[in-house]
Amino acid sequence: MDLRGYYQNIRALEAKIEEAFPIVVSVATVDGGREGVLTEVARGLAAKMIVEGVARLATTEESQALREQQAEAKRAAELAAASKVRLAVLTRADLEQLKA
């Protein structure tokens, strides 16, 4: 294996990737890799995965769909957390009794 060429390919591809955290789509591999799994990774790791042939860059539509799905999941998690907040209304007499 030509290690110099391998790392040159990674660095060249990394320079071409514009986003700091691009989304990659896995491809089927002989060792059991599943096809179509979208993942947000660092630029260097994305370049390495693409050069090794285990992933490809996601299209704009795929990236947008994943980011929307992540935003929806975040909103749902925030809503669930907000529903767990307990609020109690105390009268002035109750407050004074707690202070004592």
PDB file of N, CA and C in Angstrom:
ATOM      1  N   MET A   1       0.840  -1.181   0.000  1.00  0.00           N
ATOM      2  CA  MET A   1       0.000   0.000   0.000  1.00  0.00           C
ATOM      3  C   MET A   1       0.888   1.248   0.000  1.00  0.00           C
ATOM      4  N   ASP A   2       0.536   2.191  -0.810  1.00  0.00           N
ATOM      5  CA  ASP A   2       1.272   3.447  -0.918  1.00  0.00           C
ATOM      6  C   ASP A   2       0.729   4.420   0.127  1.00  0.00           C
ATOM      7  N   LEU A   3       1.383   4.482   1.280  1.00  0.00           N
ATOM      8  CA  LEU A   3       0.903   5.333   2.368  1.00  0.00           C
ATOM      9  C   LEU A   3       0.982   6.812   2.017  1.00  0.00           C
ATOM     10  N   ARG A   4       2.024   7.198   1.311  1.00  0.00           N
ATOM     11  CA  ARG A   4       2.154   8.610   0.942  1.00  0.00           C
ATOM     12  C   ARG A   4       0.975   9.038   0.064  1.00  0.00           C
ATOM     13  N   GLY A   5       0.645   8.231  -0.928  1.00  0.00           N
ATOM     14  CA  GLY A   5      -0.492   8.533  -1.795  1.00  0.00           C
ATOM     15  C   GLY A   5      -1.810   8.514  -1.044  1.00  0.00           C
ATOM     16  N   TYR A   6      -1.941   7.567  -0.107  1.00  0.00           N
ATOM     17  CA  TYR A   6      -3.153   7.453   0.703  1.00  0.00           C
ATOM     18  C   TYR A   6      -3.398   8.740   1.484  1.00  0.00           C
ATOM     19  N   TYR A   7      -2.381   9.209   2.186  1.00  0.00           N
ATOM     20  CA  TYR A   7      -2.543  10.420   2.987  1.00  0.00           C
ATOM     21  C   TYR A   7      -2.649  11.670   2.126  1.00  0.00           C
ATOM     22  N   GLN A   8      -2.013  11.680   0.957  1.00  0.00           N
ATOM     23  CA  GLN A   8      -2.176  12.811   0.042  1.00  0.00           C
ATOM     24  C   GLN A   8      -3.617  12.887  -0.457  1.00  0.00           C
ATOM     25  N   ASN A   9      -4.208  11.732  -0.741  1.00  0.00           N
ATOM     26  CA  ASN A   9      -5.613  11.703  -1.176  1.00  0.00           C
ATOM     27  C   ASN A   9      -6.520  12.215  -0.070  1.00  0.00           C
ATOM     28  N   ILE A  10      -6.258  11.822   1.161  1.00  0.00           N
ATOM     29  CA  ILE A  10      -7.078  12.283   2.290  1.00  0.00           C
ATOM     30  C   ILE A  10      -6.960  13.795   2.432  1.00  0.00           C
ATOM     31  N   ARG A  11      -5.729  14.315   2.416  1.00  0.00           N
ATOM     32  CA  ARG A  11      -5.538  15.761   2.571  1.00  0.00           C
ATOM     33  C   ARG A  11      -6.168  16.538   1.417  1.00  0.00           C
ATOM     34  N   ALA A  12      -6.054  16.039   0.198  1.00  0.00           N
ATOM     35  CA  ALA A  12      -6.639  16.720  -0.961  1.00  0.00           C
ATOM     36  C   ALA A  12      -8.161  16.750  -0.864  1.00  0.00           C
ATOM     37  N   LEU A  13      -8.748  15.639  -0.481  1.00  0.00           N
ATOM     38  CA  LEU A  13     -10.202  15.588  -0.351  1.00  0.00           C
ATOM     39  C   LEU A  13     -10.680  16.445   0.813  1.00  0.00           C
ATOM     40  N   GLU A  14      -9.917  16.437   1.909  1.00  0.00           N
ATOM     41  CA  GLU A  14     -10.278  17.254   3.071  1.00  0.00           C
ATOM     42  C   GLU A  14     -10.289  18.730   2.706  1.00  0.00           C
ATOM     43  N   ALA A  15      -9.362  19.157   1.860  1.00  0.00           N
ATOM     44  CA  ALA A  15      -9.306  20.556   1.432  1.00  0.00           C
ATOM     45  C   ALA A  15     -10.500  20.931   0.558  1.00  0.00           C
ATOM     46  N   LYS A  16     -11.063  19.949  -0.152  1.00  0.00           N
ATOM     47  CA  LYS A  16     -12.202  20.216  -1.032  1.00  0.00           C
ATOM     48  C   LYS A  16     -13.527  20.283  -0.283  1.00  0.00           C
ATOM     49  N   ILE A  17     -13.601  19.656   0.878  1.00  0.00           N
ATOM     50  CA  ILE A  17     -14.842  19.650   1.657  1.00  0.00           C
ATOM     51  C   ILE A  17     -14.990  20.997   2.334  1.00  0.00           C
ATOM     52  N   GLU A  18     -16.103  21.675   2.092  1.00  0.00           N
ATOM     53  CA  GLU A  18     -16.300  23.035   2.579  1.00  0.00           C
ATOM     54  C   GLU A  18     -16.759  23.099   4.029  1.00  0.00           C
ATOM     55  N   GLU A  19     -17.654  22.212   4.420  1.00  0.00           N
ATOM     56  CA  GLU A  19     -18.214  22.262   5.763  1.00  0.00           C
ATOM     57  C   GLU A  19     -17.229  21.731   6.795  1.00  0.00           C
ATOM     58  N   ALA A  20     -17.302  22.266   8.017  1.00  0.00           N
ATOM     59  CA  ALA A  20     -16.462  21.765   9.104  1.00  0.00           C
ATOM     60  C   ALA A  20     -16.944  20.389   9.554  1.00  0.00           C
ATOM     61  N   PHE A  21     -18.260  20.188   9.518  1.00  0.00           N
ATOM     62  CA  PHE A  21     -18.851  18.907   9.905  1.00  0.00           C
ATOM     63  C   PHE A  21     -19.812  18.439   8.816  1.00  0.00           C
ATOM     64  N   PRO A  22     -19.267  17.850   7.759  1.00  0.00           N
ATOM     65  CA  PRO A  22     -20.130  17.380   6.666  1.00  0.00           C
ATOM     66  C   PRO A  22     -20.895  16.123   7.048  1.00  0.00           C
ATOM     67  N   ILE A  23     -21.901  15.834   6.276  1.00  0.00           N
ATOM     68  CA  ILE A  23     -22.693  14.619   6.490  1.00  0.00           C
ATOM     69  C   ILE A  23     -22.266  13.612   5.434  1.00  0.00           C
ATOM     70  N   VAL A  24     -21.986  12.396   5.895  1.00  0.00           N
ATOM     71  CA  VAL A  24     -21.605  11.323   4.984  1.00  0.00           C
ATOM     72  C   VAL A  24     -22.669  10.237   5.031  1.00  0.00           C
ATOM     73  N   VAL A  25     -22.751   9.488   3.941  1.00  0.00           N
ATOM     74  CA  VAL A  25     -23.694   8.377   3.827  1.00  0.00           C
ATOM     75  C   VAL A  25     -22.870   7.104   3.676  1.00  0.00           C
ATOM     76  N   SER A  26     -23.143   6.132   4.527  1.00  0.00           N
ATOM     77  CA  SER A  26     -22.385   4.885   4.457  1.00  0.00           C
ATOM     78  C   SER A  26     -22.752   4.100   3.212  1.00  0.00           C
ATOM     79  N   VAL A  27     -21.800   3.293   2.753  1.00  0.00           N
ATOM     80  CA  VAL A  27     -22.038   2.396   1.627  1.00  0.00           C
ATOM     81  C   VAL A  27     -21.872   0.969   2.130  1.00  0.00           C
ATOM     82  N   ALA A  28     -22.502   0.035   1.438  1.00  0.00           N
ATOM     83  CA  ALA A  28     -22.402  -1.365   1.841  1.00  0.00           C
ATOM     84  C   ALA A  28     -20.963  -1.846   1.651  1.00  0.00           C
ATOM     85  N   THR A  29     -20.468  -2.565   2.646  1.00  0.00           N
ATOM     86  CA  THR A  29     -19.115  -3.115   2.560  1.00  0.00           C
ATOM     87  C   THR A  29     -19.168  -4.618   2.768  1.00  0.00           C
ATOM     88  N   VAL A  30     -18.099  -5.289   2.372  1.00  0.00           N
ATOM     89  CA  VAL A  30     -18.069  -6.739   2.492  1.00  0.00           C
ATOM     90  C   VAL A  30     -17.975  -7.199   3.936  1.00  0.00           C
ATOM     91  N   ASP A  31     -17.516  -6.334   4.829  1.00  0.00           N
ATOM     92  CA  ASP A  31     -17.409  -6.726   6.230  1.00  0.00           C
ATOM     93  C   ASP A  31     -18.647  -6.366   7.049  1.00  0.00           C
ATOM     94  N   GLY A  32     -19.757  -6.127   6.381  1.00  0.00           N
ATOM     95  CA  GLY A  32     -21.022  -5.924   7.070  1.00  0.00           C
ATOM     96  C   GLY A  32     -21.486  -4.496   7.211  1.00  0.00           C
ATOM     97  N   GLY A  33     -20.827  -3.544   6.566  1.00  0.00           N
ATOM     98  CA  GLY A  33     -21.259  -2.154   6.638  1.00  0.00           C
ATOM     99  C   GLY A  33     -22.626  -1.960   6.016  1.00  0.00           C
ATOM    100  N   ARG A  34     -23.485  -1.225   6.715  1.00  0.00           N
ATOM    101  CA  ARG A  34     -24.839  -0.991   6.213  1.00  0.00           C
ATOM    102  C   ARG A  34     -24.861   0.218   5.298  1.00  0.00           C
ATOM    103  N   GLU A  35     -25.659   0.135   4.273  1.00  0.00           N
ATOM    104  CA  GLU A  35     -25.770   1.214   3.294  1.00  0.00           C
ATOM    105  C   GLU A  35     -26.841   2.213   3.722  1.00  0.00           C
ATOM    106  N   GLY A  36     -26.563   3.501   3.497  1.00  0.00           N
ATOM    107  CA  GLY A  36     -27.571   4.524   3.682  1.00  0.00           C
ATOM    108  C   GLY A  36     -27.657   5.159   5.049  1.00  0.00           C
ATOM    109  N   VAL A  37     -26.719   4.900   5.939  1.00  0.00           N
ATOM    110  CA  VAL A  37     -26.744   5.507   7.266  1.00  0.00           C
ATOM    111  C   VAL A  37     -26.085   6.883   7.176  1.00  0.00           C
ATOM    112  N   LEU A  38     -26.832   7.918   7.536  1.00  0.00           N
ATOM    113  CA  LEU A  38     -26.321   9.287   7.480  1.00  0.00           C
ATOM    114  C   LEU A  38     -25.684   9.638   8.818  1.00  0.00           C
ATOM    115  N   THR A  39     -24.489  10.249   8.751  1.00  0.00           N
ATOM    116  CA  THR A  39     -23.758  10.609   9.958  1.00  0.00           C
ATOM    117  C   THR A  39     -23.056  11.934   9.749  1.00  0.00           C
ATOM    118  N   GLU A  40     -23.063  12.773  10.767  1.00  0.00           N
ATOM    119  CA  GLU A  40     -22.334  14.040  10.721  1.00  0.00           C
ATOM    120  C   GLU A  40     -20.981  13.811  11.389  1.00  0.00           C
ATOM    121  N   VAL A  41     -19.900  14.056  10.653  1.00  0.00           N
ATOM    122  CA  VAL A  41     -18.554  13.800  11.170  1.00  0.00           C
ATOM    123  C   VAL A  41     -17.653  14.995  10.884  1.00  0.00           C
ATOM    124  N   ALA A  42     -16.471  14.982  11.488  1.00  0.00           N
ATOM    125  CA  ALA A  42     -15.485  16.030  11.229  1.00  0.00           C
ATOM    126  C   ALA A  42     -14.956  15.892   9.797  1.00  0.00           C
ATOM    127  N   ARG A  43     -14.473  16.989   9.266  1.00  0.00           N
ATOM    128  CA  ARG A  43     -14.005  17.026   7.881  1.00  0.00           C
ATOM    129  C   ARG A  43     -12.913  15.986   7.618  1.00  0.00           C
ATOM    130  N   GLY A  44     -11.946  15.865   8.503  1.00  0.00           N
ATOM    131  CA  GLY A  44     -10.855  14.906   8.316  1.00  0.00           C
ATOM    132  C   GLY A  44     -11.341  13.472   8.297  1.00  0.00           C
ATOM    133  N   LEU A  45     -12.257  13.151   9.193  1.00  0.00           N
ATOM    134  CA  LEU A  45     -12.806  11.795   9.236  1.00  0.00           C
ATOM    135  C   LEU A  45     -13.644  11.510   7.998  1.00  0.00           C
ATOM    136  N   ALA A  46     -14.379  12.505   7.529  1.00  0.00           N
ATOM    137  CA  ALA A  46     -15.174  12.333   6.310  1.00  0.00           C
ATOM    138  C   ALA A  46     -14.268  12.014   5.128  1.00  0.00           C
ATOM    139  N   ALA A  47     -13.175  12.750   5.006  1.00  0.00           N
ATOM    140  CA  ALA A  47     -12.233  12.511   3.908  1.00  0.00           C
ATOM    141  C   ALA A  47     -11.643  11.106   4.008  1.00  0.00           C
ATOM    142  N   LYS A  48     -11.287  10.687   5.202  1.00  0.00           N
ATOM    143  CA  LYS A  48     -10.715   9.346   5.406  1.00  0.00           C
ATOM    144  C   LYS A  48     -11.719   8.261   5.024  1.00  0.00           C
ATOM    145  N   MET A  49     -12.966   8.432   5.444  1.00  0.00           N
ATOM    146  CA  MET A  49     -13.993   7.434   5.144  1.00  0.00           C
ATOM    147  C   MET A  49     -14.256   7.347   3.642  1.00  0.00           C
ATOM    148  N   ILE A  50     -14.245   8.478   2.968  1.00  0.00           N
ATOM    149  CA  ILE A  50     -14.497   8.490   1.525  1.00  0.00           C
ATOM    150  C   ILE A  50     -13.336   7.834   0.782  1.00  0.00           C
ATOM    151  N   VAL A  51     -12.106   8.156   1.168  1.00  0.00           N
ATOM    152  CA  VAL A  51     -10.935   7.556   0.511  1.00  0.00           C
ATOM    153  C   VAL A  51     -10.918   6.047   0.726  1.00  0.00           C
ATOM    154  N   GLU A  52     -11.325   5.596   1.909  1.00  0.00           N
ATOM    155  CA  GLU A  52     -11.352   4.162   2.204  1.00  0.00           C
ATOM    156  C   GLU A  52     -12.528   3.449   1.547  1.00  0.00           C
ATOM    157  N   GLY A  53     -13.467   4.201   1.011  1.00  0.00           N
ATOM    158  CA  GLY A  53     -14.585   3.611   0.291  1.00  0.00           C
ATOM    159  C   GLY A  53     -15.711   3.104   1.178  1.00  0.00           C
ATOM    160  N   VAL A  54     -15.797   3.592   2.416  1.00  0.00           N
ATOM    161  CA  VAL A  54     -16.875   3.148   3.305  1.00  0.00           C
ATOM    162  C   VAL A  54     -17.994   4.175   3.402  1.00  0.00           C
ATOM    163  N   ALA A  55     -17.814   5.342   2.764  1.00  0.00           N
ATOM    164  CA  ALA A  55     -18.847   6.375   2.801  1.00  0.00           C
ATOM    165  C   ALA A  55     -18.697   7.276   1.584  1.00  0.00           C
ATOM    166  N   ARG A  56     -19.727   8.086   1.388  1.00  0.00           N
ATOM    167  CA  ARG A  56     -19.704   9.116   0.350  1.00  0.00           C
ATOM    168  C   ARG A  56     -20.316  10.365   0.951  1.00  0.00           C
ATOM    169  N   LEU A  57     -20.029  11.517   0.363  1.00  0.00           N
ATOM    170  CA  LEU A  57     -20.648  12.753   0.851  1.00  0.00           C
ATOM    171  C   LEU A  57     -22.136  12.734   0.548  1.00  0.00           C
ATOM    172  N   ALA A  58     -22.923  13.222   1.467  1.00  0.00           N
ATOM    173  CA  ALA A  58     -24.366  13.282   1.271  1.00  0.00           C
ATOM    174  C   ALA A  58     -24.702  14.400   0.290  1.00  0.00           C
ATOM    175  N   THR A  59     -25.791  14.204  -0.427  1.00  0.00           N
ATOM    176  CA  THR A  59     -26.258  15.255  -1.323  1.00  0.00           C
ATOM    177  C   THR A  59     -26.853  16.378  -0.487  1.00  0.00           C
ATOM    178  N   THR A  60     -27.115  17.491  -1.116  1.00  0.00           N
ATOM    179  CA  THR A  60     -27.696  18.630  -0.415  1.00  0.00           C
ATOM    180  C   THR A  60     -29.043  18.268   0.189  1.00  0.00           C
ATOM    181  N   GLU A  61     -29.850  17.520  -0.558  1.00  0.00           N
ATOM    182  CA  GLU A  61     -31.171  17.123  -0.067  1.00  0.00           C
ATOM    183  C   GLU A  61     -31.056  16.190   1.142  1.00  0.00           C
ATOM    184  N   GLU A  62     -30.124  15.240   1.062  1.00  0.00           N
ATOM    185  CA  GLU A  62     -29.926  14.314   2.187  1.00  0.00           C
ATOM    186  C   GLU A  62     -29.449  15.062   3.433  1.00  0.00           C
ATOM    187  N   SER A  63     -28.529  16.000   3.236  1.00  0.00           N
ATOM    188  CA  SER A  63     -28.019  16.791   4.358  1.00  0.00           C
ATOM    189  C   SER A  63     -29.123  17.614   4.992  1.00  0.00           C
ATOM    190  N   GLN A  64     -29.920  18.255   4.152  1.00  0.00           N
ATOM    191  CA  GLN A  64     -31.004  19.096   4.644  1.00  0.00           C
ATOM    192  C   GLN A  64     -32.030  18.260   5.406  1.00  0.00           C
ATOM    193  N   ALA A  65     -32.347  17.075   4.889  1.00  0.00           N
ATOM    194  CA  ALA A  65     -33.313  16.202   5.562  1.00  0.00           C
ATOM    195  C   ALA A  65     -32.797  15.760   6.925  1.00  0.00           C
ATOM    196  N   LEU A  66     -31.510  15.416   7.017  1.00  0.00           N
ATOM    197  CA  LEU A  66     -30.955  14.996   8.305  1.00  0.00           C
ATOM    198  C   LEU A  66     -30.947  16.148   9.295  1.00  0.00           C
ATOM    199  N   ARG A  67     -30.565  17.318   8.850  1.00  0.00           N
ATOM    200  CA  ARG A  67     -30.529  18.481   9.756  1.00  0.00           C
ATOM    201  C   ARG A  67     -31.933  18.837  10.245  1.00  0.00           C
ATOM    202  N   GLU A  68     -32.940  18.722   9.371  1.00  0.00           N
ATOM    203  CA  GLU A  68     -34.321  18.962   9.798  1.00  0.00           C
ATOM    204  C   GLU A  68     -34.759  17.915  10.808  1.00  0.00           C
ATOM    205  N   GLN A  69     -34.370  16.662  10.571  1.00  0.00           N
ATOM    206  CA  GLN A  69     -34.712  15.590  11.495  1.00  0.00           C
ATOM    207  C   GLN A  69     -34.042  15.825  12.858  1.00  0.00           C
ATOM    208  N   GLN A  70     -32.791  16.275  12.857  1.00  0.00           N
ATOM    209  CA  GLN A  70     -32.095  16.575  14.104  1.00  0.00           C
ATOM    210  C   GLN A  70     -32.757  17.741  14.835  1.00  0.00           C
ATOM    211  N   ALA A  71     -33.165  18.766  14.093  1.00  0.00           N
ATOM    212  CA  ALA A  71     -33.819  19.921  14.708  1.00  0.00           C
ATOM    213  C   ALA A  71     -35.152  19.514  15.326  1.00  0.00           C
ATOM    214  N   GLU A  72     -35.903  18.657  14.643  1.00  0.00           N
ATOM    215  CA  GLU A  72     -37.184  18.180  15.171  1.00  0.00           C
ATOM    216  C   GLU A  72     -36.965  17.347  16.431  1.00  0.00           C
ATOM    217  N   ALA A  73     -35.943  16.510  16.430  1.00  0.00           N
ATOM    218  CA  ALA A  73     -35.640  15.697  17.608  1.00  0.00           C
ATOM    219  C   ALA A  73     -35.239  16.583  18.784  1.00  0.00           C
ATOM    220  N   LYS A  74     -34.500  17.649  18.512  1.00  0.00           N
ATOM    221  CA  LYS A  74     -34.099  18.573  19.571  1.00  0.00           C
ATOM    222  C   LYS A  74     -35.322  19.295  20.145  1.00  0.00           C
ATOM    223  N   ARG A  75     -36.217  19.740  19.258  1.00  0.00           N
ATOM    224  CA  ARG A  75     -37.437  20.406  19.735  1.00  0.00           C
ATOM    225  C   ARG A  75     -38.269  19.462  20.595  1.00  0.00           C
ATOM    226  N   ALA A  76     -38.378  18.199  20.170  1.00  0.00           N
ATOM    227  CA  ALA A  76     -39.147  17.224  20.939  1.00  0.00           C
ATOM    228  C   ALA A  76     -38.509  16.975  22.306  1.00  0.00           C
ATOM    229  N   ALA A  77     -37.182  16.910  22.347  1.00  0.00           N
ATOM    230  CA  ALA A  77     -36.487  16.691  23.615  1.00  0.00           C
ATOM    231  C   ALA A  77     -36.660  17.892  24.544  1.00  0.00           C
ATOM    232  N   GLU A  78     -36.592  19.098  23.977  1.00  0.00           N
ATOM    233  CA  GLU A  78     -36.784  20.299  24.792  1.00  0.00           C
ATOM    234  C   GLU A  78     -38.213  20.367  25.317  1.00  0.00           C
ATOM    235  N   LEU A  79     -39.166  19.987  24.491  1.00  0.00           N
ATOM    236  CA  LEU A  79     -40.559  19.986  24.923  1.00  0.00           C
ATOM    237  C   LEU A  79     -40.775  18.970  26.037  1.00  0.00           C
ATOM    238  N   ALA A  80     -40.172  17.803  25.899  1.00  0.00           N
ATOM    239  CA  ALA A  80     -40.293  16.771  26.940  1.00  0.00           C
ATOM    240  C   ALA A  80     -39.653  17.250  28.238  1.00  0.00           C
ATOM    241  N   ALA A  81     -38.504  17.919  28.135  1.00  0.00           N
ATOM    242  CA  ALA A  81     -37.841  18.426  29.337  1.00  0.00           C
ATOM    243  C   ALA A  81     -38.659  19.545  29.978  1.00  0.00           C
ATOM    244  N   ALA A  82     -39.264  20.389  29.156  1.00  0.00           N
ATOM    245  CA  ALA A  82     -40.071  21.485  29.683  1.00  0.00           C
ATOM    246  C   ALA A  82     -41.325  20.972  30.374  1.00  0.00           C
ATOM    247  N   SER A  83     -41.860  19.859  29.912  1.00  0.00           N
ATOM    248  CA  SER A  83     -43.069  19.326  30.532  1.00  0.00           C
ATOM    249  C   SER A  83     -42.776  18.703  31.890  1.00  0.00           C
ATOM    250  N   LYS A  84     -41.508  18.439  32.174  1.00  0.00           N
ATOM    251  CA  LYS A  84     -41.144  17.852  33.461  1.00  0.00           C
ATOM    252  C   LYS A  84     -40.902  18.898  34.540  1.00  0.00           C
ATOM    253  N   VAL A  85     -40.874  20.168  34.160  1.00  0.00           N
ATOM    254  CA  VAL A  85     -40.653  21.229  35.134  1.00  0.00           C
ATOM    255  C   VAL A  85     -41.888  21.357  36.003  1.00  0.00           C
ATOM    256  N   ARG A  86     -41.668  21.308  37.296  1.00  0.00           N
ATOM    257  CA  ARG A  86     -42.795  21.410  38.220  1.00  0.00           C
ATOM    258  C   ARG A  86     -42.872  22.833  38.751  1.00  0.00           C
ATOM    259  N   LEU A  87     -44.068  23.313  38.840  1.00  0.00           N
ATOM    260  CA  LEU A  87     -44.290  24.663  39.295  1.00  0.00           C
ATOM    261  C   LEU A  87     -45.315  24.618  40.415  1.00  0.00           C
ATOM    262  N   ALA A  88     -44.992  25.265  41.499  1.00  0.00           N
ATOM    263  CA  ALA A  88     -45.911  25.304  42.634  1.00  0.00           C
ATOM    264  C   ALA A  88     -46.161  26.760  43.001  1.00  0.00           C
ATOM    265  N   VAL A  89     -47.408  27.085  43.211  1.00  0.00           N
ATOM    266  CA  VAL A  89     -47.781  28.433  43.606  1.00  0.00           C
ATOM    267  C   VAL A  89     -48.033  28.418  45.110  1.00  0.00           C
ATOM    268  N   LEU A  90     -47.309  29.292  45.797  1.00  0.00           N
ATOM    269  CA  LEU A  90     -47.440  29.363  47.256  1.00  0.00           C
ATOM    270  C   LEU A  90     -48.116  30.665  47.647  1.00  0.00           C
ATOM    271  N   THR A  91     -48.916  30.585  48.656  1.00  0.00           N
ATOM    272  CA  THR A  91     -49.488  31.810  49.215  1.00  0.00           C
ATOM    273  C   THR A  91     -48.430  32.433  50.118  1.00  0.00           C
ATOM    274  N   ARG A  92     -48.643  33.682  50.468  1.00  0.00           N
ATOM    275  CA  ARG A  92     -47.692  34.370  51.339  1.00  0.00           C
ATOM    276  C   ARG A  92     -47.591  33.662  52.685  1.00  0.00           C
ATOM    277  N   ALA A  93     -48.701  33.160  53.183  1.00  0.00           N
ATOM    278  CA  ALA A  93     -48.699  32.459  54.473  1.00  0.00           C
ATOM    279  C   ALA A  93     -47.878  31.165  54.374  1.00  0.00           C
ATOM    280  N   ASP A  94     -48.025  30.450  53.280  1.00  0.00           N
ATOM    281  CA  ASP A  94     -47.242  29.223  53.102  1.00  0.00           C
ATOM    282  C   ASP A  94     -45.746  29.540  53.024  1.00  0.00           C
ATOM    283  N   LEU A  95     -45.401  30.631  52.341  1.00  0.00           N
ATOM    284  CA  LEU A  95     -44.007  31.024  52.215  1.00  0.00           C
ATOM    285  C   LEU A  95     -43.438  31.365  53.588  1.00  0.00           C
ATOM    286  N   GLU A  96     -44.169  32.119  54.359  1.00  0.00           N
ATOM    287  CA  GLU A  96     -43.716  32.487  55.703  1.00  0.00           C
ATOM    288  C   GLU A  96     -43.569  31.240  56.584  1.00  0.00           C
ATOM    289  N   GLN A  97     -44.450  30.282  56.403  1.00  0.00           N
ATOM    290  CA  GLN A  97     -44.380  29.055  57.191  1.00  0.00           C
ATOM    291  C   GLN A  97     -43.132  28.243  56.783  1.00  0.00           C
ATOM    292  N   LEU A  98     -42.788  28.231  55.501  1.00  0.00           N
ATOM    293  CA  LEU A  98     -41.574  27.548  55.060  1.00  0.00           C
ATOM    294  C   LEU A  98     -40.308  28.218  55.559  1.00  0.00           C
ATOM    295  N   LYS A  99     -40.338  29.542  55.627  1.00  0.00           N
ATOM    296  CA  LYS A  99     -39.175  30.269  56.110  1.00  0.00           C
ATOM    297  C   LYS A  99     -38.929  30.017  57.588  1.00  0.00           C
ATOM    298  N   ALA A 100     -39.987  29.765  58.338  1.00  0.00           N
ATOM    299  CA  ALA A 100     -39.856  29.585  59.792  1.00  0.00           C
ATOM    300  C   ALA A 100     -39.345  28.220  60.181  1.00  0.00           C
TER     301      ALA A 100
END
